[in-house]
Protein backbone atom coordinates (compact mmCIF):
# COMPACT_ATOMS: atom_id res chain seq x y z
CA MET A 1 -139.76 58.68 -14.01
CA ASP A 2 -141.28 58.75 -10.54
CA ASP A 3 -140.85 55.00 -9.86
CA LEU A 4 -137.50 55.66 -8.22
CA ILE A 5 -139.13 57.93 -5.65
CA LYS A 6 -142.35 55.96 -5.29
CA ASN A 7 -140.73 52.58 -4.71
CA GLN A 8 -137.65 53.93 -2.94
CA LYS A 9 -135.28 51.82 -5.03
CA ILE A 10 -131.84 52.09 -3.49
CA PHE A 11 -128.92 50.99 -5.66
CA HIS A 12 -125.15 51.21 -5.64
CA TYR A 13 -122.87 50.14 -8.49
CA ARG A 14 -119.12 50.35 -7.97
CA TYR A 15 -116.19 50.51 -10.36
CA TRP A 16 -116.15 46.75 -10.96
CA ASP A 17 -119.64 47.12 -12.48
CA ALA A 18 -118.52 49.96 -14.78
CA VAL A 19 -120.40 50.79 -17.98
CA SER A 20 -117.71 51.50 -20.57
CA GLY A 21 -117.53 52.67 -24.17
CA PRO A 22 -115.14 54.46 -26.51
CA ASP A 23 -113.38 57.00 -24.28
CA PHE A 24 -116.24 57.13 -21.77
CA GLN A 25 -116.91 55.24 -18.54
CA VAL A 26 -119.38 55.39 -15.68
CA ARG A 27 -117.31 53.89 -12.88
CA GLY A 28 -120.08 53.90 -10.31
CA ILE A 29 -123.38 55.39 -9.19
CA GLY A 30 -125.14 55.47 -5.84
CA SER A 31 -128.68 56.34 -4.84
CA GLU A 32 -129.40 57.80 -1.38
CA GLU A 33 -126.50 56.06 0.31
CA LEU A 34 -126.85 56.32 4.08
CA MET A 35 -123.82 57.42 6.05
CA PRO A 36 -123.16 57.45 9.82
CA PRO A 37 -122.47 60.81 11.50
CA GLY A 38 -119.07 62.09 10.41
CA MET A 39 -117.15 63.71 7.60
CA VAL A 40 -115.77 62.19 4.42
CA LEU A 41 -112.26 63.41 3.62
CA ARG A 42 -110.29 62.42 0.52
CA GLN A 43 -107.44 64.91 0.35
CA GLN A 44 -106.39 63.79 -3.13
CA GLY A 45 -109.93 63.27 -4.36
CA THR A 46 -110.41 60.51 -6.93
CA PRO A 47 -108.90 59.94 -10.40
CA ASP A 48 -112.31 60.52 -12.01
CA TRP A 49 -115.02 63.18 -12.02
CA MET A 50 -117.46 62.96 -9.13
CA ILE A 51 -120.94 64.48 -9.06
CA MET A 52 -122.45 64.52 -5.59
CA LEU A 53 -125.94 65.44 -4.37
CA TYR A 54 -126.26 66.46 -0.71
CA THR A 55 -129.38 66.71 1.44
CA PRO A 56 -130.04 69.60 3.86
CA GLY A 57 -127.89 69.56 6.99
CA CYS A 58 -124.65 68.59 5.27
CA LYS A 59 -121.72 70.90 4.78
CA VAL A 60 -119.11 70.77 2.02
CA LYS A 61 -115.74 72.40 1.48
CA LEU A 62 -115.34 73.94 -1.97
CA ARG A 63 -112.46 76.14 -3.13
CA GLY A 64 -111.15 76.11 0.45
CA LYS A 65 -114.38 77.47 1.98
CA TRP A 66 -117.06 75.64 3.96
CA GLN A 67 -120.62 75.92 2.71
CA SER A 68 -123.78 74.78 4.50
CA VAL A 69 -126.37 72.84 2.50
CA GLU A 70 -129.76 74.42 3.21
CA GLU A 71 -131.60 72.76 0.32
CA ASP A 72 -130.87 69.79 -1.94
CA SER A 73 -127.65 70.79 -3.68
CA LEU A 74 -125.07 69.30 -5.98
CA SER A 75 -121.37 69.77 -6.64
CA ILE A 76 -119.00 68.58 -9.35
CA PHE A 77 -115.47 67.63 -8.30
CA PRO A 78 -112.77 67.45 -11.03
CA PRO A 79 -110.24 64.60 -10.83
CA GLY A 80 -107.70 65.05 -8.05
CA THR A 81 -109.79 67.66 -6.20
CA GLU A 82 -110.15 67.32 -2.42
CA HIS A 83 -113.45 65.82 -1.23
CA HIS A 84 -114.55 67.01 2.21
CA TYR A 85 -118.23 66.82 3.09
CA GLY A 86 -120.83 65.34 5.45
CA THR A 87 -122.30 66.14 8.86
CA GLU A 88 -121.20 65.19 12.36
CA ASP A 89 -124.63 65.65 13.95
CA ALA A 90 -126.77 62.84 12.51
CA VAL A 91 -127.08 60.05 9.98
CA TRP A 92 -127.10 61.59 6.50
CA ASN A 93 -127.41 60.42 2.91
CA HIS A 94 -125.99 61.35 -0.47
CA SER A 95 -126.32 60.28 -4.08
CA TRP A 96 -123.41 60.26 -6.51
CA MET A 97 -121.82 59.24 -9.79
CA HIS A 98 -118.17 58.68 -10.80
CA ILE A 99 -117.37 59.17 -14.49
CA CYS A 100 -114.23 59.49 -16.60
CA GLY A 101 -112.84 59.45 -20.13
CA GLY A 102 -112.18 61.93 -22.91
CA GLU A 103 -115.89 62.33 -23.67
CA THR A 104 -116.49 63.34 -20.06
CA ASP A 105 -113.58 65.78 -20.12
CA LEU A 106 -114.99 67.49 -23.22
CA LEU A 107 -118.43 67.85 -21.63
CA MET A 108 -116.96 69.21 -18.43
CA GLN A 109 -114.91 71.77 -20.36
CA LYS A 110 -118.11 72.97 -21.98
CA TYR A 111 -119.76 73.41 -18.58
CA SER A 112 -116.70 74.49 -16.60
CA ARG A 113 -118.66 77.15 -14.64
CA LEU A 114 -120.51 74.36 -12.83
CA GLN A 115 -117.40 72.91 -11.17
CA ASN A 116 -116.35 73.31 -7.53
CA THR A 117 -119.44 75.24 -6.52
CA LEU A 118 -122.66 74.41 -4.70
CA LEU A 119 -125.57 74.16 -7.12
CA PRO A 120 -129.15 73.93 -5.79
CA PHE A 121 -130.77 71.04 -7.67
CA SER A 122 -133.89 68.95 -7.29
CA HIS A 123 -133.45 65.68 -5.38
CA ARG A 124 -136.06 64.07 -7.63
CA ALA A 125 -134.37 65.29 -10.82
CA PHE A 126 -130.95 63.92 -9.86
CA LEU A 127 -132.42 60.53 -8.92
CA ARG A 128 -134.19 60.47 -12.28
CA HIS A 129 -130.84 60.71 -14.07
CA LEU A 130 -129.33 58.05 -11.82
CA ASP A 131 -132.30 55.81 -12.54
CA TYR A 132 -131.63 56.04 -16.27
CA MET A 133 -128.02 55.05 -15.70
CA ALA A 134 -128.99 52.23 -13.32
CA GLY A 135 -131.13 50.77 -16.11
CA GLU A 136 -128.08 50.59 -18.36
CA PHE A 137 -126.00 48.96 -15.61
CA LEU A 138 -128.63 46.22 -15.59
CA ARG A 139 -129.24 45.92 -19.35
CA ARG A 140 -125.59 45.95 -20.50
CA ARG A 141 -126.42 46.80 -24.11
CA ASP A 142 -123.77 47.65 -26.69
CA ASN A 143 -124.82 51.28 -26.59
CA SER A 144 -125.36 51.49 -22.80
CA TRP A 145 -122.33 53.74 -22.53
CA LEU A 146 -123.89 56.17 -25.04
CA VAL A 147 -127.16 56.31 -23.10
CA CYS A 148 -125.17 57.11 -19.96
CA ARG A 149 -123.10 59.69 -21.79
CA ASN A 150 -126.24 61.41 -23.10
CA THR A 151 -127.81 61.26 -19.64
CA LEU A 152 -124.76 63.03 -18.24
CA GLU A 153 -124.99 65.73 -20.90
CA HIS A 154 -128.68 66.23 -20.18
CA LEU A 155 -127.91 66.59 -16.47
CA LEU A 156 -125.26 69.23 -17.19
CA MET A 157 -127.68 71.09 -19.46
CA GLU A 158 -130.30 71.16 -16.70
CA LEU A 159 -127.75 72.43 -14.20
CA ALA A 160 -126.60 75.15 -16.60
CA ASP A 161 -130.21 76.20 -17.30
CA ASP A 162 -130.92 76.41 -13.56
CA ARG A 163 -127.75 78.47 -13.07
CA ARG A 164 -128.75 80.91 -15.81
CA ARG A 165 -132.29 81.15 -14.43
CA GLU A 166 -130.86 81.93 -11.00
CA GLU A 167 -128.66 84.67 -12.46
CA TYR A 168 -131.61 86.37 -14.18
CA THR A 169 -134.14 85.93 -11.37
CA PRO A 170 -135.24 89.30 -9.92
CA GLU A 171 -133.32 90.12 -6.77
CA ARG A 172 -136.46 90.58 -4.72
CA MET A 173 -137.68 87.07 -5.64
CA LEU A 174 -134.36 85.61 -4.50
CA LYS A 175 -134.72 87.69 -1.34
CA VAL A 176 -138.16 86.32 -0.50
CA ARG A 177 -137.11 82.74 -1.21
CA ASP A 178 -134.08 83.20 1.03
CA TYR A 179 -136.39 84.60 3.70
CA MET A 180 -138.48 81.42 3.50
CA GLU A 181 -135.37 79.23 3.74
CA LYS A 182 -134.33 81.00 6.94
CA ASN A 183 -137.77 81.30 8.53
CA TYR A 184 -139.57 78.10 7.49
CA LEU A 185 -140.34 77.36 11.17
CA LYS A 186 -142.64 80.39 11.31
CA GLU A 187 -146.25 80.49 10.15
CA LEU A 188 -145.47 82.56 7.07
CA SER A 189 -148.37 84.06 5.15
CA LEU A 190 -148.46 85.53 1.66
CA LYS A 191 -149.14 88.92 3.23
CA GLU A 192 -145.98 88.69 5.37
CA LEU A 193 -143.86 87.52 2.43
CA ALA A 194 -145.16 90.35 0.25
CA HIS A 195 -144.51 92.87 3.03
CA HIS A 196 -140.93 91.61 3.35
CA ILE A 197 -140.14 92.80 -0.19
CA SER A 198 -142.65 95.69 -0.26
CA VAL A 199 -144.95 94.42 -3.00
CA SER A 200 -148.62 93.45 -3.15
CA VAL A 201 -149.73 89.85 -2.62
CA PRO A 202 -150.96 89.43 -6.24
CA LEU A 203 -147.66 90.77 -7.61
CA LEU A 204 -145.68 88.47 -5.31
CA SER A 205 -147.66 85.43 -6.41
CA LEU A 206 -147.39 86.28 -10.11
CA GLU A 207 -143.68 87.14 -10.11
CA PHE A 208 -142.69 84.24 -7.86
CA LYS A 209 -144.50 81.69 -10.05
CA LYS A 210 -142.90 83.20 -13.15
CA SER A 211 -139.43 83.05 -11.57
CA PHE A 212 -139.52 79.58 -9.99
CA GLY A 213 -142.42 77.77 -11.63
CA ILE A 214 -144.13 77.24 -8.27
CA SER A 215 -146.29 79.30 -5.92
CA PRO A 216 -144.74 80.83 -2.77
CA ILE A 217 -146.76 78.56 -0.44
CA ALA A 218 -145.92 75.44 -2.45
CA CYS A 219 -142.26 76.47 -2.34
CA LEU A 220 -142.47 76.87 1.45
CA GLN A 221 -143.89 73.35 1.71
CA GLU A 222 -141.04 72.02 -0.45
CA ILE A 223 -138.50 73.66 1.85
CA ARG A 224 -140.10 72.15 4.94
CA LEU A 225 -140.29 68.69 3.39
CA ARG A 226 -136.65 68.81 2.33
CA HIS A 227 -135.64 69.58 5.89
CA SER A 228 -137.84 66.76 7.16
CA LEU A 229 -135.65 64.21 5.34
CA TYR A 230 -132.72 65.33 7.44
CA TYR A 231 -134.64 65.22 10.73
CA LEU A 232 -136.12 61.80 9.96
CA SER A 233 -132.59 60.39 10.06
CA ASP A 234 -132.48 61.23 13.78
CA LEU A 235 -134.13 58.24 15.47
CA ASN A 236 -134.48 60.18 18.72
CA LEU A 237 -137.17 62.32 17.09
CA SER A 238 -140.75 61.14 16.66
CA VAL A 239 -142.58 61.95 13.44
CA GLU A 240 -144.59 64.54 15.39
CA GLU A 241 -141.37 66.19 16.54
CA VAL A 242 -139.97 66.12 13.00
CA ALA A 243 -143.10 67.88 11.77
CA LYS A 244 -142.72 70.63 14.40
CA ARG A 245 -139.03 71.11 13.56
CA CYS A 246 -140.05 71.65 9.95
CA GLY A 247 -142.64 74.29 10.83
CA ILE A 248 -145.74 72.10 10.40
CA ALA A 249 -147.82 72.01 13.57
CA ASP A 250 -150.25 69.28 12.45
CA PRO A 251 -148.45 65.89 12.14
CA PHE A 252 -151.33 64.44 10.09
CA TYR A 253 -151.09 67.28 7.58
CA PHE A 254 -147.32 66.78 7.50
CA SER A 255 -147.80 63.07 6.74
CA ARG A 256 -150.22 63.87 3.91
CA LEU A 257 -147.80 66.34 2.35
CA PHE A 258 -144.91 63.92 2.75
CA ARG A 259 -146.82 61.03 1.16
CA ARG A 260 -147.95 63.22 -1.71
CA LYS A 261 -144.36 64.20 -2.50
CA TYR A 262 -142.40 61.02 -1.75
CA GLY A 263 -145.02 58.32 -2.27
CA LEU A 264 -144.93 56.87 1.26
CA SER A 265 -145.44 57.94 4.85
CA PRO A 266 -142.66 59.47 6.98
CA ARG A 267 -142.54 56.29 9.11
CA ALA A 268 -142.30 54.07 6.03
CA TYR A 269 -139.61 56.31 4.59
CA ARG A 270 -137.60 56.06 7.82
CA GLN A 271 -138.02 52.27 7.91
CA LYS A 272 -136.82 51.95 4.30
CA LYS A 273 -133.72 53.97 5.11
CA LEU A 274 -132.96 51.91 8.20
CA THR A 275 -133.20 48.59 6.37
CA VAL A 276 -130.65 49.83 3.84
CA PHE A 277 -128.35 51.28 6.49
């Protein structure tokens, strides 16, 4: 599952490579496609469903309103819906899939609440689903379309579960996580986070882990590392400067955290991206 992250496999399959079956088609998928600074605008959208994962720093227009992407997030565009997203400030990347057919329409009807909204979703999790589909683009088995169809359904189930979890997460836990998102440059301590929502440190740690499956400090590290992916696309910034912009004063500690999460150093990650771009 982690090979896609560890080896940084970048792949793009377009509509001429489509995996097709009875009333279901994956017209294309793309992993971490690098884009130059600028906005993508398709006023009429596409004739198929598009699922798009954005990295921090992007902005996207949904239901006529602009939304800023502060953490890895995903949106589902129905056929014929305007696509308007990107960033004008730096090189950015996105991952995506285009799907269509009656089977897709039925699934999307079942999960209609997920459409045309910004859904926080794990970068690693989305690439895992794309990796499954990429395997079927290569294998071309008789039932490859069914594997892709089931992968899509599993993705939608995960998104729906995350949405429900978000709806039932205690308000004060959402408040402290939002505080971390907005203040990740500061040296935040557990004591300060607990004070922000007027609870004890043990209660904060217990309730936060129960709500999000991760400790507050680990979550803060995840936020900083997500932002580092955006800053690494700016070649005018050294790795040391990227670390500081993410709230990590020690560049060596930043590199250790980055390697632990993504399987390679920040410099190697940047070099991989540049060779693809």
